[in-house]
């Protein structure tokens, strides 16, 4: 079992920055991937960025060059540094962990990010 607790959402003006953090507890394996997704009302949850334990990362095209995902394996945390925020980045952001051995995924409770124009 894995628990994910997010923090760091809030309200920011366009062009501003926010940093989201997620702390994982429980059974974290060496091949587990951690990621951030986001969701707006009436739409599907979509991948923002993901990172492996070894540090390989990938990003949605819409956030490349603006967002940076990082991971601290010793602390079992993943962070998302968001710069140059745009109103279209407004969403609930969810932390995700994919447990490779069990092929299960876990979600945090979500944190609201609102970018005003």
PDB file of N, CA and C in Angstrom:
ATOM      1  N   UNK A   1       0.849  -1.204   0.000  1.00  0.00           N
ATOM      2  CA  UNK A   1       0.000   0.000   0.000  1.00  0.00           C
ATOM      3  C   UNK A   1       0.874   1.240   0.000  1.00  0.00           C
ATOM      4  N   UNK A   2       0.433   2.240  -0.735  1.00  0.00           N
ATOM      5  CA  UNK A   2       1.170   3.495  -0.848  1.00  0.00           C
ATOM      6  C   UNK A   2       0.235   4.655  -0.541  1.00  0.00           C
ATOM      7  N   UNK A   3       0.726   5.626   0.207  1.00  0.00           N
ATOM      8  CA  UNK A   3      -0.022   6.852   0.463  1.00  0.00           C
ATOM      9  C   UNK A   3       0.757   8.025  -0.138  1.00  0.00           C
ATOM     10  N   UNK A   4       0.017   8.925  -0.777  1.00  0.00           N
ATOM     11  CA  UNK A   4       0.610  10.104  -1.402  1.00  0.00           C
ATOM     12  C   UNK A   4      -0.067  11.351  -0.832  1.00  0.00           C
ATOM     13  N   UNK A   5       0.757  12.294  -0.373  1.00  0.00           N
ATOM     14  CA  UNK A   5       0.237  13.534   0.188  1.00  0.00           C
ATOM     15  C   UNK A   5       0.865  14.704  -0.552  1.00  0.00           C
ATOM     16  N   UNK A   6       0.004  15.515  -1.175  1.00  0.00           N
ATOM     17  CA  UNK A   6       0.472  16.655  -1.976  1.00  0.00           C
ATOM     18  C   UNK A   6       0.397  17.945  -1.167  1.00  0.00           C
ATOM     19  N   UNK A   7       1.190  18.894  -1.598  1.00  0.00           N
ATOM     20  CA  UNK A   7       1.137  20.237  -1.033  1.00  0.00           C
ATOM     21  C   UNK A   7       1.647  21.231  -2.065  1.00  0.00           C
ATOM     22  N   UNK A   8       1.293  22.505  -1.859  1.00  0.00           N
ATOM     23  CA  UNK A   8       1.896  23.544  -2.676  1.00  0.00           C
ATOM     24  C   UNK A   8       1.005  24.222  -3.686  1.00  0.00           C
ATOM     25  N   UNK A   9      -0.233  23.816  -3.812  1.00  0.00           N
ATOM     26  CA  UNK A   9      -1.110  24.490  -4.765  1.00  0.00           C
ATOM     27  C   UNK A   9      -1.481  25.880  -4.277  1.00  0.00           C
ATOM     28  N   UNK A  10      -2.209  26.599  -5.114  1.00  0.00           N
ATOM     29  CA  UNK A  10      -2.650  27.925  -4.722  1.00  0.00           C
ATOM     30  C   UNK A  10      -3.032  28.776  -5.904  1.00  0.00           C
ATOM     31  N   UNK A  11      -3.146  30.071  -5.630  1.00  0.00           N
ATOM     32  CA  UNK A  11      -3.539  31.064  -6.644  1.00  0.00           C
ATOM     33  C   UNK A  11      -2.323  31.904  -6.999  1.00  0.00           C
ATOM     34  N   UNK A  12      -2.107  32.076  -8.300  1.00  0.00           N
ATOM     35  CA  UNK A  12      -0.964  32.851  -8.757  1.00  0.00           C
ATOM     36  C   UNK A  12      -1.353  33.591 -10.025  1.00  0.00           C
ATOM     37  N   UNK A  13      -0.713  34.716 -10.262  1.00  0.00           N
ATOM     38  CA  UNK A  13      -0.973  35.468 -11.487  1.00  0.00           C
ATOM     39  C   UNK A  13      -0.222  34.843 -12.653  1.00  0.00           C
ATOM     40  N   UNK A  14      -0.737  35.085 -13.850  1.00  0.00           N
ATOM     41  CA  UNK A  14      -0.073  34.597 -15.052  1.00  0.00           C
ATOM     42  C   UNK A  14       1.374  35.081 -15.077  1.00  0.00           C
ATOM     43  N   UNK A  15       2.267  34.167 -15.453  1.00  0.00           N
ATOM     44  CA  UNK A  15       3.686  34.477 -15.455  1.00  0.00           C
ATOM     45  C   UNK A  15       4.394  34.105 -14.172  1.00  0.00           C
ATOM     46  N   UNK A  16       3.630  33.798 -13.153  1.00  0.00           N
ATOM     47  CA  UNK A  16       4.202  33.462 -11.862  1.00  0.00           C
ATOM     48  C   UNK A  16       4.646  32.014 -11.768  1.00  0.00           C
ATOM     49  N   UNK A  17       5.058  31.644 -10.558  1.00  0.00           N
ATOM     50  CA  UNK A  17       5.586  30.304 -10.317  1.00  0.00           C
ATOM     51  C   UNK A  17       4.930  29.673  -9.091  1.00  0.00           C
ATOM     52  N   UNK A  18       4.858  28.366  -9.116  1.00  0.00           N
ATOM     53  CA  UNK A  18       4.430  27.576  -7.971  1.00  0.00           C
ATOM     54  C   UNK A  18       5.257  26.299  -7.953  1.00  0.00           C
ATOM     55  N   UNK A  19       5.397  25.734  -6.759  1.00  0.00           N
ATOM     56  CA  UNK A  19       6.076  24.458  -6.626  1.00  0.00           C
ATOM     57  C   UNK A  19       5.168  23.496  -5.892  1.00  0.00           C
ATOM     58  N   UNK A  20       4.886  22.370  -6.523  1.00  0.00           N
ATOM     59  CA  UNK A  20       4.091  21.322  -5.906  1.00  0.00           C
ATOM     60  C   UNK A  20       5.022  20.238  -5.372  1.00  0.00           C
ATOM     61  N   UNK A  21       4.650  19.681  -4.244  1.00  0.00           N
ATOM     62  CA  UNK A  21       5.420  18.591  -3.666  1.00  0.00           C
ATOM     63  C   UNK A  21       4.497  17.444  -3.313  1.00  0.00           C
ATOM     64  N   UNK A  22       5.044  16.245  -3.338  1.00  0.00           N
ATOM     65  CA  UNK A  22       4.275  15.042  -3.014  1.00  0.00           C
ATOM     66  C   UNK A  22       5.175  14.104  -2.222  1.00  0.00           C
ATOM     67  N   UNK A  23       4.705  13.699  -1.064  1.00  0.00           N
ATOM     68  CA  UNK A  23       5.441  12.764  -0.226  1.00  0.00           C
ATOM     69  C   UNK A  23       4.771  11.406  -0.287  1.00  0.00           C
ATOM     70  N   UNK A  24       5.560  10.396  -0.579  1.00  0.00           N
ATOM     71  CA  UNK A  24       5.040   9.034  -0.673  1.00  0.00           C
ATOM     72  C   UNK A  24       5.492   8.220   0.527  1.00  0.00           C
ATOM     73  N   UNK A  25       4.591   7.399   1.021  1.00  0.00           N
ATOM     74  CA  UNK A  25       4.941   6.479   2.106  1.00  0.00           C
ATOM     75  C   UNK A  25       4.373   5.109   1.767  1.00  0.00           C
ATOM     76  N   UNK A  26       5.014   4.088   2.293  1.00  0.00           N
ATOM     77  CA  UNK A  26       4.584   2.732   1.996  1.00  0.00           C
ATOM     78  C   UNK A  26       5.637   1.997   1.190  1.00  0.00           C
ATOM     79  N   UNK A  27       5.182   1.071   0.377  1.00  0.00           N
ATOM     80  CA  UNK A  27       6.076   0.209  -0.371  1.00  0.00           C
ATOM     81  C   UNK A  27       6.461   0.852  -1.708  1.00  0.00           C
ATOM     82  N   UNK A  28       7.651   1.448  -1.747  1.00  0.00           N
ATOM     83  CA  UNK A  28       8.147   2.103  -2.960  1.00  0.00           C
ATOM     84  C   UNK A  28       9.246   1.245  -3.551  1.00  0.00           C
ATOM     85  N   UNK A  29       9.055   0.793  -4.778  1.00  0.00           N
ATOM     86  CA  UNK A  29      10.015  -0.096  -5.398  1.00  0.00           C
ATOM     87  C   UNK A  29      11.008   0.633  -6.287  1.00  0.00           C
ATOM     88  N   UNK A  30      12.055  -0.056  -6.654  1.00  0.00           N
ATOM     89  CA  UNK A  30      13.119   0.542  -7.447  1.00  0.00           C
ATOM     90  C   UNK A  30      12.727   0.884  -8.872  1.00  0.00           C
ATOM     91  N   UNK A  31      11.635   0.324  -9.369  1.00  0.00           N
ATOM     92  CA  UNK A  31      11.218   0.602 -10.742  1.00  0.00           C
ATOM     93  C   UNK A  31       9.923   1.400 -10.793  1.00  0.00           C
ATOM     94  N   UNK A  32       9.513   1.936  -9.667  1.00  0.00           N
ATOM     95  CA  UNK A  32       8.261   2.695  -9.636  1.00  0.00           C
ATOM     96  C   UNK A  32       8.453   4.083 -10.238  1.00  0.00           C
ATOM     97  N   UNK A  33       7.472   4.497 -11.012  1.00  0.00           N
ATOM     98  CA  UNK A  33       7.484   5.818 -11.626  1.00  0.00           C
ATOM     99  C   UNK A  33       6.566   6.750 -10.852  1.00  0.00           C
ATOM    100  N   UNK A  34       7.012   7.966 -10.666  1.00  0.00           N
ATOM    101  CA  UNK A  34       6.174   8.985 -10.039  1.00  0.00           C
ATOM    102  C   UNK A  34       5.846  10.058 -11.069  1.00  0.00           C
ATOM    103  N   UNK A  35       4.686  10.635 -10.938  1.00  0.00           N
ATOM    104  CA  UNK A  35       4.228  11.557 -11.966  1.00  0.00           C
ATOM    105  C   UNK A  35       3.254  12.571 -11.390  1.00  0.00           C
ATOM    106  N   UNK A  36       3.025  13.606 -12.177  1.00  0.00           N
ATOM    107  CA  UNK A  36       1.975  14.586 -11.909  1.00  0.00           C
ATOM    108  C   UNK A  36       0.993  14.575 -13.067  1.00  0.00           C
ATOM    109  N   UNK A  37      -0.291  14.548 -12.728  1.00  0.00           N
ATOM    110  CA  UNK A  37      -1.369  14.676 -13.688  1.00  0.00           C
ATOM    111  C   UNK A  37      -2.188  15.900 -13.312  1.00  0.00           C
ATOM    112  N   UNK A  38      -3.013  16.334 -14.240  1.00  0.00           N
ATOM    113  CA  UNK A  38      -3.937  17.419 -13.916  1.00  0.00           C
ATOM    114  C   UNK A  38      -5.279  17.177 -14.581  1.00  0.00           C
ATOM    115  N   UNK A  39      -6.291  17.805 -13.979  1.00  0.00           N
ATOM    116  CA  UNK A  39      -7.657  17.593 -14.453  1.00  0.00           C
ATOM    117  C   UNK A  39      -8.465  18.863 -14.256  1.00  0.00           C
ATOM    118  N   UNK A  40      -9.231  19.205 -15.296  1.00  0.00           N
ATOM    119  CA  UNK A  40     -10.186  20.307 -15.203  1.00  0.00           C
ATOM    120  C   UNK A  40     -11.588  19.732 -15.282  1.00  0.00           C
ATOM    121  N   UNK A  41     -12.580  20.474 -14.797  1.00  0.00           N
ATOM    122  CA  UNK A  41     -13.948  19.952 -14.750  1.00  0.00           C
ATOM    123  C   UNK A  41     -14.436  19.472 -16.116  1.00  0.00           C
ATOM    124  N   UNK A  42     -14.980  18.278 -16.139  1.00  0.00           N
ATOM    125  CA  UNK A  42     -15.540  17.721 -17.353  1.00  0.00           C
ATOM    126  C   UNK A  42     -14.541  17.124 -18.309  1.00  0.00           C
ATOM    127  N   UNK A  43     -13.267  17.131 -17.932  1.00  0.00           N
ATOM    128  CA  UNK A  43     -12.237  16.595 -18.819  1.00  0.00           C
ATOM    129  C   UNK A  43     -11.487  15.468 -18.141  1.00  0.00           C
ATOM    130  N   UNK A  44     -10.814  14.667 -18.958  1.00  0.00           N
ATOM    131  CA  UNK A  44     -10.036  13.560 -18.411  1.00  0.00           C
ATOM    132  C   UNK A  44      -8.763  14.063 -17.747  1.00  0.00           C
ATOM    133  N   UNK A  45      -8.292  13.280 -16.820  1.00  0.00           N
ATOM    134  CA  UNK A  45      -7.016  13.549 -16.182  1.00  0.00           C
ATOM    135  C   UNK A  45      -5.900  13.289 -17.202  1.00  0.00           C
ATOM    136  N   UNK A  46      -4.969  14.207 -17.305  1.00  0.00           N
ATOM    137  CA  UNK A  46      -3.896  14.074 -18.299  1.00  0.00           C
ATOM    138  C   UNK A  46      -2.531  14.184 -17.645  1.00  0.00           C
ATOM    139  N   UNK A  47      -1.572  13.527 -18.241  1.00  0.00           N
ATOM    140  CA  UNK A  47      -0.211  13.534 -17.729  1.00  0.00           C
ATOM    141  C   UNK A  47       0.428  14.899 -17.941  1.00  0.00           C
ATOM    142  N   UNK A  48       1.071  15.387 -16.886  1.00  0.00           N
ATOM    143  CA  UNK A  48       1.853  16.619 -16.975  1.00  0.00           C
ATOM    144  C   UNK A  48       3.332  16.285 -17.111  1.00  0.00           C
ATOM    145  N   UNK A  49       3.823  15.440 -16.202  1.00  0.00           N
ATOM    146  CA  UNK A  49       5.231  15.050 -16.227  1.00  0.00           C
ATOM    147  C   UNK A  49       5.390  13.779 -15.413  1.00  0.00           C
ATOM    148  N   UNK A  50       6.393  12.985 -15.776  1.00  0.00           N
ATOM    149  CA  UNK A  50       6.679  11.751 -15.054  1.00  0.00           C
ATOM    150  C   UNK A  50       8.183  11.600 -14.926  1.00  0.00           C
ATOM    151  N   UNK A  51       8.592  10.851 -13.903  1.00  0.00           N
ATOM    152  CA  UNK A  51      10.020  10.651 -13.669  1.00  0.00           C
ATOM    153  C   UNK A  51      10.252   9.277 -13.074  1.00  0.00           C
ATOM    154  N   UNK A  52      11.288   8.610 -13.575  1.00  0.00           N
ATOM    155  CA  UNK A  52      11.648   7.306 -13.025  1.00  0.00           C
ATOM    156  C   UNK A  52      12.583   7.487 -11.836  1.00  0.00           C
ATOM    157  N   UNK A  53      12.839   6.393 -11.152  1.00  0.00           N
ATOM    158  CA  UNK A  53      13.751   6.440 -10.018  1.00  0.00           C
ATOM    159  C   UNK A  53      15.152   6.864 -10.468  1.00  0.00           C
ATOM    160  N   UNK A  54      15.499   6.496 -11.700  1.00  0.00           N
ATOM    161  CA  UNK A  54      16.812   6.857 -12.229  1.00  0.00           C
ATOM    162  C   UNK A  54      16.907   8.271 -12.746  1.00  0.00           C
ATOM    163  N   UNK A  55      15.781   8.996 -12.731  1.00  0.00           N
ATOM    164  CA  UNK A  55      15.812  10.405 -13.120  1.00  0.00           C
ATOM    165  C   UNK A  55      15.389  10.690 -14.546  1.00  0.00           C
ATOM    166  N   UNK A  56      15.003   9.660 -15.281  1.00  0.00           N
ATOM    167  CA  UNK A  56      14.514   9.913 -16.636  1.00  0.00           C
ATOM    168  C   UNK A  56      13.133  10.546 -16.546  1.00  0.00           C
ATOM    169  N   UNK A  57      12.927  11.640 -17.274  1.00  0.00           N
ATOM    170  CA  UNK A  57      11.664  12.358 -17.179  1.00  0.00           C
ATOM    171  C   UNK A  57      11.070  12.623 -18.555  1.00  0.00           C
ATOM    172  N   UNK A  58       9.767  12.786 -18.572  1.00  0.00           N
ATOM    173  CA  UNK A  58       9.097  13.200 -19.801  1.00  0.00           C
ATOM    174  C   UNK A  58       7.970  14.159 -19.440  1.00  0.00           C
ATOM    175  N   UNK A  59       7.611  14.993 -20.403  1.00  0.00           N
ATOM    176  CA  UNK A  59       6.669  16.086 -20.155  1.00  0.00           C
ATOM    177  C   UNK A  59       5.616  16.159 -21.245  1.00  0.00           C
ATOM    178  N   UNK A  60       4.456  16.658 -20.875  1.00  0.00           N
ATOM    179  CA  UNK A  60       3.455  17.019 -21.870  1.00  0.00           C
ATOM    180  C   UNK A  60       4.005  18.185 -22.689  1.00  0.00           C
ATOM    181  N   UNK A  61       3.684  18.206 -23.960  1.00  0.00           N
ATOM    182  CA  UNK A  61       4.196  19.268 -24.831  1.00  0.00           C
ATOM    183  C   UNK A  61       3.828  20.656 -24.310  1.00  0.00           C
ATOM    184  N   UNK A  62       2.658  20.756 -23.702  1.00  0.00           N
ATOM    185  CA  UNK A  62       2.157  22.058 -23.269  1.00  0.00           C
ATOM    186  C   UNK A  62       2.962  22.666 -22.124  1.00  0.00           C
ATOM    187  N   UNK A  63       3.764  21.861 -21.445  1.00  0.00           N
ATOM    188  CA  UNK A  63       4.506  22.375 -20.289  1.00  0.00           C
ATOM    189  C   UNK A  63       6.016  22.323 -20.486  1.00  0.00           C
ATOM    190  N   UNK A  64       6.473  21.763 -21.589  1.00  0.00           N
ATOM    191  CA  UNK A  64       7.912  21.669 -21.833  1.00  0.00           C
ATOM    192  C   UNK A  64       8.552  23.047 -21.809  1.00  0.00           C
ATOM    193  N   UNK A  65       9.666  23.137 -21.116  1.00  0.00           N
ATOM    194  CA  UNK A  65      10.375  24.405 -21.010  1.00  0.00           C
ATOM    195  C   UNK A  65       9.887  25.306 -19.890  1.00  0.00           C
ATOM    196  N   UNK A  66       8.757  24.961 -19.306  1.00  0.00           N
ATOM    197  CA  UNK A  66       8.201  25.771 -18.215  1.00  0.00           C
ATOM    198  C   UNK A  66       8.160  25.016 -16.893  1.00  0.00           C
ATOM    199  N   UNK A  67       7.885  23.719 -16.943  1.00  0.00           N
ATOM    200  CA  UNK A  67       7.765  22.906 -15.738  1.00  0.00           C
ATOM    201  C   UNK A  67       8.971  21.980 -15.639  1.00  0.00           C
ATOM    202  N   UNK A  68       9.358  21.686 -14.397  1.00  0.00           N
ATOM    203  CA  UNK A  68      10.440  20.749 -14.150  1.00  0.00           C
ATOM    204  C   UNK A  68      10.034  19.794 -13.046  1.00  0.00           C
ATOM    205  N   UNK A  69      10.123  18.507 -13.340  1.00  0.00           N
ATOM    206  CA  UNK A  69       9.824  17.485 -12.334  1.00  0.00           C
ATOM    207  C   UNK A  69      11.132  16.995 -11.740  1.00  0.00           C
ATOM    208  N   UNK A  70      11.124  16.755 -10.443  1.00  0.00           N
ATOM    209  CA  UNK A  70      12.306  16.237  -9.777  1.00  0.00           C
ATOM    210  C   UNK A  70      11.884  15.227  -8.726  1.00  0.00           C
ATOM    211  N   UNK A  71      12.837  14.412  -8.323  1.00  0.00           N
ATOM    212  CA  UNK A  71      12.511  13.323  -7.401  1.00  0.00           C
ATOM    213  C   UNK A  71      13.665  13.132  -6.424  1.00  0.00           C
ATOM    214  N   UNK A  72      13.312  12.935  -5.176  1.00  0.00           N
ATOM    215  CA  UNK A  72      14.283  12.630  -4.134  1.00  0.00           C
ATOM    216  C   UNK A  72      14.002  11.214  -3.668  1.00  0.00           C
ATOM    217  N   UNK A  73      14.811  10.276  -4.112  1.00  0.00           N
ATOM    218  CA  UNK A  73      14.558   8.870  -3.794  1.00  0.00           C
ATOM    219  C   UNK A  73      14.751   8.566  -2.307  1.00  0.00           C
ATOM    220  N   UNK A  74      15.656   9.250  -1.678  1.00  0.00           N
ATOM    221  CA  UNK A  74      15.903   9.007  -0.257  1.00  0.00           C
ATOM    222  C   UNK A  74      14.704   9.437   0.590  1.00  0.00           C
ATOM    223  N   UNK A  75      14.051  10.518   0.176  1.00  0.00           N
ATOM    224  CA  UNK A  75      12.904  11.040   0.923  1.00  0.00           C
ATOM    225  C   UNK A  75      11.573  10.550   0.360  1.00  0.00           C
ATOM    226  N   UNK A  76      11.624   9.854  -0.776  1.00  0.00           N
ATOM    227  CA  UNK A  76      10.392   9.402  -1.449  1.00  0.00           C
ATOM    228  C   UNK A  76       9.459  10.575  -1.734  1.00  0.00           C
ATOM    229  N   UNK A  77      10.035  11.603  -2.321  1.00  0.00           N
ATOM    230  CA  UNK A  77       9.235  12.768  -2.696  1.00  0.00           C
ATOM    231  C   UNK A  77       9.410  13.070  -4.183  1.00  0.00           C
ATOM    232  N   UNK A  78       8.400  13.683  -4.741  1.00  0.00           N
ATOM    233  CA  UNK A  78       8.463  14.183  -6.112  1.00  0.00           C
ATOM    234  C   UNK A  78       7.929  15.602  -6.098  1.00  0.00           C
ATOM    235  N   UNK A  79       8.580  16.462  -6.868  1.00  0.00           N
ATOM    236  CA  UNK A  79       8.181  17.863  -6.914  1.00  0.00           C
ATOM    237  C   UNK A  79       7.961  18.304  -8.351  1.00  0.00           C
ATOM    238  N   UNK A  80       7.162  19.337  -8.492  1.00  0.00           N
ATOM    239  CA  UNK A  80       6.922  19.919  -9.814  1.00  0.00           C
ATOM    240  C   UNK A  80       7.096  21.421  -9.685  1.00  0.00           C
ATOM    241  N   UNK A  81       8.156  21.933 -10.269  1.00  0.00           N
ATOM    242  CA  UNK A  81       8.389  23.366 -10.301  1.00  0.00           C
ATOM    243  C   UNK A  81       7.728  23.922 -11.545  1.00  0.00           C
ATOM    244  N   UNK A  82       6.801  24.834 -11.346  1.00  0.00           N
ATOM    245  CA  UNK A  82       6.020  25.381 -12.452  1.00  0.00           C
ATOM    246  C   UNK A  82       6.342  26.861 -12.598  1.00  0.00           C
ATOM    247  N   UNK A  83       6.955  27.210 -13.707  1.00  0.00           N
ATOM    248  CA  UNK A  83       7.297  28.603 -14.014  1.00  0.00           C
ATOM    249  C   UNK A  83       6.507  29.067 -15.229  1.00  0.00           C
ATOM    250  N   UNK A  84       6.406  30.355 -15.380  1.00  0.00           N
ATOM    251  CA  UNK A  84       5.701  30.886 -16.543  1.00  0.00           C
ATOM    252  C   UNK A  84       4.275  30.394 -16.638  1.00  0.00           C
ATOM    253  N   UNK A  85       3.598  30.351 -15.506  1.00  0.00           N
ATOM    254  CA  UNK A  85       2.251  29.787 -15.483  1.00  0.00           C
ATOM    255  C   UNK A  85       1.285  30.586 -16.341  1.00  0.00           C
ATOM    256  N   UNK A  86       0.365  29.862 -16.964  1.00  0.00           N
ATOM    257  CA  UNK A  86      -0.650  30.441 -17.835  1.00  0.00           C
ATOM    258  C   UNK A  86      -2.029  30.099 -17.295  1.00  0.00           C
ATOM    259  N   UNK A  87      -3.040  30.897 -17.627  1.00  0.00           N
ATOM    260  CA  UNK A  87      -4.395  30.571 -17.160  1.00  0.00           C
ATOM    261  C   UNK A  87      -4.826  29.159 -17.540  1.00  0.00           C
ATOM    262  N   UNK A  88      -4.370  28.669 -18.672  1.00  0.00           N
ATOM    263  CA  UNK A  88      -4.752  27.312 -19.087  1.00  0.00           C
ATOM    264  C   UNK A  88      -4.073  26.222 -18.265  1.00  0.00           C
ATOM    265  N   UNK A  89      -3.177  26.585 -17.378  1.00  0.00           N
ATOM    266  CA  UNK A  89      -2.593  25.619 -16.451  1.00  0.00           C
ATOM    267  C   UNK A  89      -3.485  25.400 -15.230  1.00  0.00           C
ATOM    268  N   UNK A  90      -4.539  26.195 -15.116  1.00  0.00           N
ATOM    269  CA  UNK A  90      -5.472  26.044 -14.005  1.00  0.00           C
ATOM    270  C   UNK A  90      -6.097  24.661 -14.023  1.00  0.00           C
ATOM    271  N   UNK A  91      -5.983  23.954 -12.898  1.00  0.00           N
ATOM    272  CA  UNK A  91      -6.484  22.582 -12.811  1.00  0.00           C
ATOM    273  C   UNK A  91      -6.261  22.067 -11.398  1.00  0.00           C
ATOM    274  N   UNK A  92      -6.816  20.906 -11.131  1.00  0.00           N
ATOM    275  CA  UNK A  92      -6.437  20.156  -9.941  1.00  0.00           C
ATOM    276  C   UNK A  92      -5.282  19.246 -10.352  1.00  0.00           C
ATOM    277  N   UNK A  93      -4.193  19.326  -9.607  1.00  0.00           N
ATOM    278  CA  UNK A  93      -3.006  18.544  -9.904  1.00  0.00           C
ATOM    279  C   UNK A  93      -2.926  17.355  -8.951  1.00  0.00           C
ATOM    280  N   UNK A  94      -2.673  16.189  -9.514  1.00  0.00           N
ATOM    281  CA  UNK A  94      -2.628  14.958  -8.749  1.00  0.00           C
ATOM    282  C   UNK A  94      -1.245  14.312  -8.850  1.00  0.00           C
ATOM    283  N   UNK A  95      -0.763  13.879  -7.725  1.00  0.00           N
ATOM    284  CA  UNK A  95       0.448  13.079  -7.676  1.00  0.00           C
ATOM    285  C   UNK A  95       0.077  11.617  -7.951  1.00  0.00           C
ATOM    286  N   UNK A  96       0.944  10.940  -8.674  1.00  0.00           N
ATOM    287  CA  UNK A  96       0.678   9.548  -9.061  1.00  0.00           C
ATOM    288  C   UNK A  96       1.934   8.722  -8.868  1.00  0.00           C
ATOM    289  N   UNK A  97       1.738   7.501  -8.398  1.00  0.00           N
ATOM    290  CA  UNK A  97       2.835   6.539  -8.331  1.00  0.00           C
ATOM    291  C   UNK A  97       2.383   5.255  -8.998  1.00  0.00           C
ATOM    292  N   UNK A  98       3.176   4.779  -9.944  1.00  0.00           N
ATOM    293  CA  UNK A  98       2.908   3.496 -10.581  1.00  0.00           C
ATOM    294  C   UNK A  98       3.867   2.476  -9.997  1.00  0.00           C
ATOM    295  N   UNK A  99       3.278   1.484  -9.346  1.00  0.00           N
ATOM    296  CA  UNK A  99       4.036   0.442  -8.668  1.00  0.00           C
ATOM    297  C   UNK A  99       4.290  -0.681  -9.671  1.00  0.00           C
ATOM    298  N   UNK A 100       5.528  -0.754 -10.160  1.00  0.00           N
ATOM    299  CA  UNK A 100       5.840  -1.645 -11.270  1.00  0.00           C
ATOM    300  C   UNK A 100       5.623  -3.109 -10.915  1.00  0.00           C
ATOM    301  N   UNK A 101       6.076  -3.548  -9.749  1.00  0.00           N
ATOM    302  CA  UNK A 101       6.011  -4.964  -9.396  1.00  0.00           C
ATOM    303  C   UNK A 101       4.568  -5.451  -9.295  1.00  0.00           C
ATOM    304  N   UNK A 102       3.709  -4.654  -8.702  1.00  0.00           N
ATOM    305  CA  UNK A 102       2.314  -5.044  -8.507  1.00  0.00           C
ATOM    306  C   UNK A 102       1.420  -4.563  -9.634  1.00  0.00           C
ATOM    307  N   UNK A 103       1.980  -3.733 -10.528  1.00  0.00           N
ATOM    308  CA  UNK A 103       1.201  -3.119 -11.617  1.00  0.00           C
ATOM    309  C   UNK A 103      -0.051  -2.455 -11.070  1.00  0.00           C
ATOM    310  N   UNK A 104       0.174  -1.636 -10.054  1.00  0.00           N
ATOM    311  CA  UNK A 104      -0.915  -0.857  -9.463  1.00  0.00           C
ATOM    312  C   UNK A 104      -0.499   0.602  -9.434  1.00  0.00           C
ATOM    313  N   UNK A 105      -1.469   1.472  -9.466  1.00  0.00           N
ATOM    314  CA  UNK A 105      -1.145   2.876  -9.340  1.00  0.00           C
ATOM    315  C   UNK A 105      -1.929   3.500  -8.201  1.00  0.00           C
ATOM    316  N   UNK A 106      -1.345   4.540  -7.656  1.00  0.00           N
ATOM    317  CA  UNK A 106      -1.918   5.225  -6.514  1.00  0.00           C
ATOM    318  C   UNK A 106      -1.985   6.717  -6.829  1.00  0.00           C
ATOM    319  N   UNK A 107      -2.960   7.384  -6.193  1.00  0.00           N
ATOM    320  CA  UNK A 107      -3.187   8.803  -6.424  1.00  0.00           C
ATOM    321  C   UNK A 107      -3.217   9.573  -5.116  1.00  0.00           C
ATOM    322  N   UNK A 108      -2.724  10.802  -5.189  1.00  0.00           N
ATOM    323  CA  UNK A 108      -2.909  11.710  -4.081  1.00  0.00           C
ATOM    324  C   UNK A 108      -4.302  12.299  -4.115  1.00  0.00           C
ATOM    325  N   UNK A 109      -4.585  13.166  -3.158  1.00  0.00           N
ATOM    326  CA  UNK A 109      -5.931  13.730  -3.028  1.00  0.00           C
ATOM    327  C   UNK A 109      -6.165  14.899  -3.978  1.00  0.00           C
ATOM    328  N   UNK A 110      -5.098  15.409  -4.566  1.00  0.00           N
ATOM    329  CA  UNK A 110      -5.208  16.525  -5.505  1.00  0.00           C
ATOM    330  C   UNK A 110      -5.002  17.859  -4.823  1.00  0.00           C
ATOM    331  N   UNK A 111      -4.419  18.784  -5.563  1.00  0.00           N
ATOM    332  CA  UNK A 111      -4.218  20.142  -5.059  1.00  0.00           C
ATOM    333  C   UNK A 111      -4.579  21.127  -6.176  1.00  0.00           C
ATOM    334  N   UNK A 112      -5.334  22.156  -5.810  1.00  0.00           N
ATOM    335  CA  UNK A 112      -5.827  23.105  -6.800  1.00  0.00           C
ATOM    336  C   UNK A 112      -4.758  24.133  -7.153  1.00  0.00           C
ATOM    337  N   UNK A 113      -4.557  24.324  -8.443  1.00  0.00           N
ATOM    338  CA  UNK A 113      -3.706  25.396  -8.956  1.00  0.00           C
ATOM    339  C   UNK A 113      -4.578  26.311  -9.804  1.00  0.00           C
ATOM    340  N   UNK A 114      -4.607  27.572  -9.455  1.00  0.00           N
ATOM    341  CA  UNK A 114      -5.408  28.548 -10.198  1.00  0.00           C
ATOM    342  C   UNK A 114      -4.494  29.672 -10.665  1.00  0.00           C
ATOM    343  N   UNK A 115      -4.516  29.929 -11.964  1.00  0.00           N
ATOM    344  CA  UNK A 115      -3.684  30.978 -12.552  1.00  0.00           C
ATOM    345  C   UNK A 115      -4.610  32.050 -13.106  1.00  0.00           C
ATOM    346  N   UNK A 116      -4.491  33.234 -12.557  1.00  0.00           N
ATOM    347  CA  UNK A 116      -5.353  34.341 -12.992  1.00  0.00           C
ATOM    348  C   UNK A 116      -4.666  35.140 -14.096  1.00  0.00           C
ATOM    349  N   UNK A 117      -5.481  35.679 -14.992  1.00  0.00           N
ATOM    350  CA  UNK A 117      -4.927  36.438 -16.127  1.00  0.00           C
ATOM    351  C   UNK A 117      -4.779  37.918 -15.809  1.00  0.00           C
TER     352      UNK A 117
END
